[in-house]
C-alpha atoms as a PDB file:
ATOM      1  CA  MET A   1      14.309   9.293  -3.837  1.00  0.00           C
ATOM      2  CA  PRO A   2      15.621  11.343  -0.580  1.00  0.00           C
ATOM      3  CA  LYS A   3      18.955  12.841  -0.883  1.00  0.00           C
ATOM      4  CA  ALA A   4      21.753  11.220   1.199  1.00  0.00           C
ATOM      5  CA  THR A   5      21.335  14.420   3.455  1.00  0.00           C
ATOM      6  CA  PHE A   6      17.956  13.276   4.628  1.00  0.00           C
ATOM      7  CA  PHE A   7      19.108  10.039   5.906  1.00  0.00           C
ATOM      8  CA  ASN A   8      22.208  11.653   7.613  1.00  0.00           C
ATOM      9  CA  LEU A   9      19.952  14.169   9.611  1.00  0.00           C
ATOM     10  CA  PRO A  10      19.633  13.275  13.489  1.00  0.00           C
ATOM     11  CA  GLU A  11      16.554  10.603  14.144  1.00  0.00           C
ATOM     12  CA  LYS A  12      14.483  13.372  15.838  1.00  0.00           C
ATOM     13  CA  LYS A  13      14.736  15.862  13.370  1.00  0.00           C
ATOM     14  CA  ARG A  14      14.204  13.606  10.418  1.00  0.00           C
ATOM     15  CA  HIS A  15      11.273  12.271  12.003  1.00  0.00           C
ATOM     16  CA  SER A  16       9.665  15.719  12.794  1.00  0.00           C
ATOM     17  CA  LEU A  17       9.818  16.359   8.888  1.00  0.00           C
ATOM     18  CA  ILE A  18       8.139  12.713   7.944  1.00  0.00           C
ATOM     19  CA  LYS A  19       5.394  13.548  10.329  1.00  0.00           C
ATOM     20  CA  ALA A  20       5.055  17.381   8.764  1.00  0.00           C
ATOM     21  CA  MET A  21       5.060  15.546   5.370  1.00  0.00           C
ATOM     22  CA  GLU A  22       2.490  12.982   6.453  1.00  0.00           C
ATOM     23  CA  LEU A  23       0.179  15.612   7.979  1.00  0.00           C
ATOM     24  CA  GLU A  24       0.287  17.796   4.600  1.00  0.00           C
ATOM     25  CA  PHE A  25      -0.417  14.674   2.173  1.00  0.00           C
ATOM     26  CA  SER A  26      -3.052  13.910   4.396  1.00  0.00           C
ATOM     27  CA  ARG A  27      -4.679  17.253   4.258  1.00  0.00           C
ATOM     28  CA  VAL A  28      -4.779  17.336   0.752  1.00  0.00           C
ATOM     29  CA  PRO A  29      -3.299  15.437  -2.855  1.00  0.00           C
ATOM     30  CA  VAL A  30      -0.121  16.266  -3.822  1.00  0.00           C
ATOM     31  CA  PHE A  31      -0.431  18.482  -6.473  1.00  0.00           C
ATOM     32  CA  GLU A  32      -2.434  20.885  -4.073  1.00  0.00           C
ATOM     33  CA  ALA A  33       0.262  20.231  -1.200  1.00  0.00           C
ATOM     34  CA  SER A  34       2.318  23.032   0.193  1.00  0.00           C
ATOM     35  CA  ILE A  35       6.430  22.989   0.690  1.00  0.00           C
ATOM     36  CA  ALA A  36       5.463  26.324   3.136  1.00  0.00           C
ATOM     37  CA  ASN A  37       3.068  24.127   5.248  1.00  0.00           C
ATOM     38  CA  ILE A  38       5.667  21.109   5.328  1.00  0.00           C
ATOM     39  CA  VAL A  39       8.549  23.206   6.776  1.00  0.00           C
ATOM     40  CA  LYS A  40       6.623  25.302   8.639  1.00  0.00           C
ATOM     41  CA  THR A  41       5.491  22.702  10.497  1.00  0.00           C
ATOM     42  CA  ALA A  42       8.740  20.714  10.873  1.00  0.00           C
ATOM     43  CA  GLY A  43      10.549  23.898  11.781  1.00  0.00           C
ATOM     44  CA  ILE A  44      13.016  24.272   8.802  1.00  0.00           C
ATOM     45  CA  SER A  45      13.683  26.361   6.108  1.00  0.00           C
ATOM     46  CA  ARG A  46      12.297  26.208   2.545  1.00  0.00           C
ATOM     47  CA  GLY A  47      16.065  26.134   1.664  1.00  0.00           C
ATOM     48  CA  SER A  48      16.512  22.927   3.798  1.00  0.00           C
ATOM     49  CA  PHE A  49      13.489  20.915   2.601  1.00  0.00           C
ATOM     50  CA  TYR A  50      15.225  21.148  -1.112  1.00  0.00           C
ATOM     51  CA  GLN A  51      18.705  19.824   0.624  1.00  0.00           C
ATOM     52  CA  TYR A  52      16.731  16.562   1.522  1.00  0.00           C
ATOM     53  CA  PHE A  53      14.364  16.524  -1.609  1.00  0.00           C
ATOM     54  CA  GLU A  54      14.090  17.685  -5.073  1.00  0.00           C
ATOM     55  CA  ASP A  55      10.674  18.709  -4.896  1.00  0.00           C
ATOM     56  CA  LYS A  56       7.534  17.686  -2.926  1.00  0.00           C
ATOM     57  CA  GLU A  57       6.677  14.642  -5.097  1.00  0.00           C
ATOM     58  CA  ASP A  58      10.126  13.485  -4.539  1.00  0.00           C
ATOM     59  CA  ALA A  59       8.848  13.845  -0.569  1.00  0.00           C
ATOM     60  CA  TYR A  60       5.211  12.085  -1.305  1.00  0.00           C
ATOM     61  CA  TYR A  61       6.758   9.431  -3.212  1.00  0.00           C
ATOM     62  CA  TYR A  62       9.127   8.447  -0.109  1.00  0.00           C
ATOM     63  CA  ILE A  63       6.264   8.663   2.253  1.00  0.00           C
ATOM     64  CA  LEU A  64       4.159   6.460   0.170  1.00  0.00           C
ATOM     65  CA  GLN A  65       6.684   3.651  -0.360  1.00  0.00           C
ATOM     66  CA  GLU A  66       7.587   3.941   3.285  1.00  0.00           C
ATOM     67  CA  GLN A  67       3.572   3.368   4.028  1.00  0.00           C
ATOM     68  CA  ALA A  68       3.567   0.425   1.711  1.00  0.00           C
ATOM     69  CA  ASN A  69       6.378  -1.251   2.976  1.00  0.00           C
ATOM     70  CA  ARG A  70       5.055  -1.209   6.746  1.00  0.00           C
ATOM     71  CA  ARG A  71       1.745  -2.307   4.943  1.00  0.00           C
ATOM     72  CA  ASN A  72       3.778  -5.052   3.248  1.00  0.00           C
ATOM     73  CA  LYS A  73       4.821  -6.289   6.451  1.00  0.00           C
ATOM     74  CA  GLN A  74       1.257  -6.760   7.831  1.00  0.00           C
ATOM     75  CA  PHE A  75       0.476  -8.711   5.017  1.00  0.00           C
ATOM     76  CA  ILE A  76       2.941 -11.102   5.623  1.00  0.00           C
ATOM     77  CA  GLU A  77       1.722 -11.305   9.423  1.00  0.00           C
ATOM     78  CA  GLN A  78      -1.773 -11.812   7.790  1.00  0.00           C
ATOM     79  CA  LEU A  79      -0.108 -14.833   5.760  1.00  0.00           C
ATOM     80  CA  ALA A  80       1.579 -16.583   8.865  1.00  0.00           C
ATOM     81  CA  LYS A  81      -1.511 -15.927  10.833  1.00  0.00           C
ATOM     82  CA  HIS A  82      -4.243 -17.801   8.315  1.00  0.00           C
ATOM     83  CA  GLU A  83      -1.448 -20.457   7.611  1.00  0.00           C
ATOM     84  CA  GLY A  84      -0.604 -19.537   4.737  1.00  0.00           C
ATOM     85  CA  ASN A  85      -4.252 -18.965   3.105  1.00  0.00           C
ATOM     86  CA  LEU A  86      -3.713 -16.586   0.538  1.00  0.00           C
ATOM     87  CA  PHE A  87      -7.733 -15.540   0.154  1.00  0.00           C
ATOM     88  CA  GLU A  88      -8.149 -15.513   3.666  1.00  0.00           C
ATOM     89  CA  ALA A  89      -5.107 -13.540   4.291  1.00  0.00           C
ATOM     90  CA  ILE A  90      -5.484 -10.723   1.252  1.00  0.00           C
ATOM     91  CA  THR A  91      -9.559 -10.367   2.707  1.00  0.00           C
ATOM     92  CA  ALA A  92      -8.205  -9.719   6.172  1.00  0.00           C
ATOM     93  CA  PHE A  93      -5.592  -7.633   4.933  1.00  0.00           C
ATOM     94  CA  TYR A  94      -8.039  -5.250   2.963  1.00  0.00           C
ATOM     95  CA  TYR A  95     -10.418  -5.133   6.218  1.00  0.00           C
ATOM     96  CA  GLU A  96      -7.316  -4.413   8.459  1.00  0.00           C
ATOM     97  CA  LEU A  97      -6.324  -1.219   5.785  1.00  0.00           C
ATOM     98  CA  LEU A  98      -9.807   0.117   5.701  1.00  0.00           C
ATOM     99  CA  ILE A  99     -11.554  -0.489   8.807  1.00  0.00           C
ATOM    100  CA  GLU A 100      -8.576  -0.270  11.380  1.00  0.00           C
ATOM    101  CA  LEU A 101      -6.301   2.351  10.157  1.00  0.00           C
ATOM    102  CA  PRO A 102      -4.606   3.759  13.438  1.00  0.00           C
ATOM    103  CA  ASP A 103      -5.936   7.408  12.403  1.00  0.00           C
ATOM    104  CA  ASP A 104      -7.454   9.783  10.615  1.00  0.00           C
ATOM    105  CA  LYS A 105      -4.181  11.521   8.990  1.00  0.00           C
ATOM    106  CA  GLU A 106      -3.494   7.865   7.532  1.00  0.00           C
ATOM    107  CA  TYR A 107      -6.879   7.181   6.206  1.00  0.00           C
ATOM    108  CA  ASN A 108      -7.007  10.590   4.524  1.00  0.00           C
ATOM    109  CA  PHE A 109      -3.641  10.281   3.450  1.00  0.00           C
ATOM    110  CA  PHE A 110      -4.484   6.727   1.422  1.00  0.00           C
ATOM    111  CA  ARG A 111      -7.880   8.091   0.505  1.00  0.00           C
ATOM    112  CA  ASN A 112      -5.727  11.442  -1.169  1.00  0.00           C
ATOM    113  CA  ALA A 113      -3.491   8.650  -3.080  1.00  0.00           C
ATOM    114  CA  LEU A 114      -6.687   6.616  -4.342  1.00  0.00           C
ATOM    115  CA  LEU A 115      -8.610   9.449  -5.581  1.00  0.00           C
ATOM    116  CA  ASN A 116      -5.658  10.757  -7.535  1.00  0.00           C
ATOM    117  CA  VAL A 117      -4.394   7.835  -9.014  1.00  0.00           C
ATOM    118  CA  THR A 118      -0.971   7.671 -11.351  1.00  0.00           C
ATOM    119  CA  HIS A 119       1.023   4.802 -12.791  1.00  0.00           C
ATOM    120  CA  GLN A 120       3.687   5.603 -10.320  1.00  0.00           C
ATOM    121  CA  ILE A 121       0.849   5.259  -7.168  1.00  0.00           C
ATOM    122  CA  GLU A 122      -0.871   2.117  -8.302  1.00  0.00           C
ATOM    123  CA  ASN A 123       2.835   0.337  -9.042  1.00  0.00           C
ATOM    124  CA  ILE A 124       3.482   1.333  -5.195  1.00  0.00           C
ATOM    125  CA  PHE A 125       0.106  -0.040  -4.156  1.00  0.00           C
ATOM    126  CA  ILE A 126       0.301  -2.779  -6.127  1.00  0.00           C
ATOM    127  CA  GLU A 127       3.888  -3.931  -3.949  1.00  0.00           C
ATOM    128  CA  ILE A 128       2.096  -3.928  -0.705  1.00  0.00           C
ATOM    129  CA  ILE A 129       1.324  -7.742  -2.109  1.00  0.00           C
ATOM    130  CA  GLU A 130       4.181  -8.192  -4.700  1.00  0.00           C
ATOM    131  CA  SER A 131       7.096  -6.310  -3.043  1.00  0.00           C
ATOM    132  CA  ASN A 132       8.217  -9.792  -1.502  1.00  0.00           C
ATOM    133  CA  VAL A 133       8.024 -11.442  -5.062  1.00  0.00           C
ATOM    134  CA  LYS A 134      10.170  -8.735  -6.704  1.00  0.00           C
ATOM    135  CA  ARG A 135      12.552  -8.692  -3.851  1.00  0.00           C
ATOM    136  CA  ASP A 136      13.332 -12.167  -3.161  1.00  0.00           C
ATOM    137  CA  GLY A 137      11.755 -14.119  -5.720  1.00  0.00           C
ATOM    138  CA  ILE A 138       8.736 -16.126  -5.789  1.00  0.00           C
ATOM    139  CA  LYS A 139      10.471 -19.095  -4.051  1.00  0.00           C
ATOM    140  CA  GLU A 140      10.804 -16.796  -0.923  1.00  0.00           C
ATOM    141  CA  ILE A 141       7.105 -15.800  -0.594  1.00  0.00           C
ATOM    142  CA  SER A 142       5.991 -19.276  -1.609  1.00  0.00           C
ATOM    143  CA  ARG A 143       7.113 -20.704   1.780  1.00  0.00           C
ATOM    144  CA  LEU A 144       4.748 -18.978   3.336  1.00  0.00           C
ATOM    145  CA  ILE A 145       1.901 -19.680   1.195  1.00  0.00           C
ATOM    146  CA  ASN A 146      -0.312 -22.920   1.556  1.00  0.00           C
ATOM    147  CA  LYS A 147      -0.058 -24.032  -1.980  1.00  0.00           C
ATOM    148  CA  ASP A 148      -1.779 -27.525  -1.199  1.00  0.00           C
ATOM    149  CA  ILE A 149      -5.312 -25.546  -1.093  1.00  0.00           C
ATOM    150  CA  LEU A 150      -4.672 -24.001  -4.372  1.00  0.00           C
ATOM    151  CA  ASN A 151      -5.420 -25.066  -7.810  1.00  0.00           C
ATOM    152  CA  ILE A 152      -1.755 -24.034  -9.575  1.00  0.00           C
ATOM    153  CA  GLU A 153       0.985 -26.168 -10.980  1.00  0.00           C
ATOM    154  CA  SER A 154       4.079 -24.278 -10.328  1.00  0.00           C
ATOM    155  CA  ASP A 155       5.737 -21.113  -8.852  1.00  0.00           C
ATOM    156  CA  LYS A 156       5.124 -19.282 -12.568  1.00  0.00           C
ATOM    157  CA  GLU A 157       1.305 -19.872 -11.801  1.00  0.00           C
ATOM    158  CA  LEU A 158       1.491 -18.630  -8.259  1.00  0.00           C
ATOM    159  CA  THR A 159       3.300 -15.506  -9.566  1.00  0.00           C
ATOM    160  CA  HIS A 160       0.160 -14.755 -12.055  1.00  0.00           C
ATOM    161  CA  LEU A 161      -2.172 -15.430  -9.381  1.00  0.00           C
ATOM    162  CA  ILE A 162      -0.111 -13.188  -6.816  1.00  0.00           C
ATOM    163  CA  HIS A 163      -0.745 -10.486  -9.921  1.00  0.00           C
ATOM    164  CA  ILE A 164      -4.367 -11.178 -10.484  1.00  0.00           C
ATOM    165  CA  ILE A 165      -5.236 -10.941  -6.349  1.00  0.00           C
ATOM    166  CA  SER A 166      -3.067  -7.403  -6.378  1.00  0.00           C
ATOM    167  CA  ALA A 167      -5.047  -5.935  -9.392  1.00  0.00           C
ATOM    168  CA  VAL A 168      -8.233  -7.037  -7.873  1.00  0.00           C
ATOM    169  CA  ALA A 169      -7.303  -5.652  -4.712  1.00  0.00           C
ATOM    170  CA  PHE A 170      -6.148  -2.324  -5.945  1.00  0.00           C
ATOM    171  CA  ARG A 171      -9.120  -1.702  -8.301  1.00  0.00           C
ATOM    172  CA  ASN A 172     -11.295  -2.189  -4.773  1.00  0.00           C
ATOM    173  CA  PHE A 173      -9.333   0.020  -3.045  1.00  0.00           C
ATOM    174  CA  VAL A 174      -9.660   2.722  -5.670  1.00  0.00           C
ATOM    175  CA  GLU A 175     -13.350   2.055  -6.064  1.00  0.00           C
ATOM    176  CA  LYS A 176     -14.190   2.241  -2.181  1.00  0.00           C
ATOM    177  CA  PHE A 177     -13.104   5.984  -2.468  1.00  0.00           C
ATOM    178  CA  THR A 178     -13.870   7.081  -5.939  1.00  0.00           C
ATOM    179  CA  LYS A 179     -17.588   5.454  -5.500  1.00  0.00           C
ATOM    180  CA  GLU A 180     -17.612   6.282  -1.938  1.00  0.00           C
ATOM    181  CA  LEU A 181     -18.626   2.631  -0.860  1.00  0.00           C
ATOM    182  CA  SER A 182     -19.403   2.448   3.107  1.00  0.00           C
ATOM    183  CA  ASP A 183     -16.720   0.044   4.678  1.00  0.00           C
ATOM    184  CA  ASP A 184     -19.657  -2.423   4.625  1.00  0.00           C
ATOM    185  CA  GLU A 185     -20.067  -2.120   1.110  1.00  0.00           C
ATOM    186  CA  ALA A 186     -16.563  -2.408   0.055  1.00  0.00           C
ATOM    187  CA  ILE A 187     -15.435  -5.262   2.183  1.00  0.00           C
ATOM    188  CA  GLU A 188     -18.684  -7.170   0.600  1.00  0.00           C
ATOM    189  CA  ARG A 189     -17.694  -6.684  -3.192  1.00  0.00           C
ATOM    190  CA  PHE A 190     -14.012  -7.559  -2.192  1.00  0.00           C
ATOM    191  CA  LYS A 191     -15.445 -10.864  -0.718  1.00  0.00           C
ATOM    192  CA  VAL A 192     -17.539 -11.528  -3.368  1.00  0.00           C
ATOM    193  CA  GLU A 193     -14.565 -11.129  -6.051  1.00  0.00           C
ATOM    194  CA  MET A 194     -12.317 -13.301  -3.796  1.00  0.00           C
ATOM    195  CA  LYS A 195     -15.019 -16.257  -3.358  1.00  0.00           C
ATOM    196  CA  LEU A 196     -14.974 -16.186  -7.496  1.00  0.00           C
ATOM    197  CA  LEU A 197     -11.527 -16.307  -7.591  1.00  0.00           C
ATOM    198  CA  LYS A 198     -11.178 -19.084  -5.070  1.00  0.00           C
ATOM    199  CA  LYS A 199     -13.733 -21.337  -6.835  1.00  0.00           C
ATOM    200  CA  GLY A 200     -13.022 -20.230 -10.523  1.00  0.00           C
ATOM    201  CA  LEU A 201     -15.164 -18.805 -13.201  1.00  0.00           C
ATOM    202  CA  ALA A 202     -15.564 -21.832 -15.253  1.00  0.00           C
ATOM    203  CA  LYS A 203     -17.858 -24.821 -15.014  1.00  0.00           C
ATOM    204  CA  THR A 204     -16.120 -28.127 -15.213  1.00  0.00           C
ATOM    205  CA  THR A 205     -17.270 -30.433 -17.936  1.00  0.00           C
END
């Protein structure tokens, strides 16, 4: 978590530092990242960096959390766009994140994160989908989801469904990069798994 001095920076200076950190963390994974590169790009001293963050990991997780927060808003927008259809929304969001990232820097940032997964990174990625559940409780996001098309009987079951979908989405994000799948291969795999979840895995008797 950044120190209070970071949030007290003038907006222009804070934005410049954020861009410098994003650039470095998109270049290499966090364990290879250089504070020297960050401060040089941002035009600040090394001592100033430590006035804002404990270390480079602190800075990295701040950037990753901010990215996740922005992506969560996109997921909510997809829910609205697809009239609460959870499966269509998550599939469109998956496509958007992989195919339509605005630039190579952001794409490489996510790629580096997913090729070097830690428990904390996994939790932050899963929060992209689940943060509304954690922040506001299931009742808030429940209002956005069309439950009439879901085979669930309670908000508790909806919570479990969101956990399952989050886990499947995260694993697919990781496999996209670890297995070096093409965009088309990654999307097709994800669609197959969402289709299986949607129709269920056991035959009715």
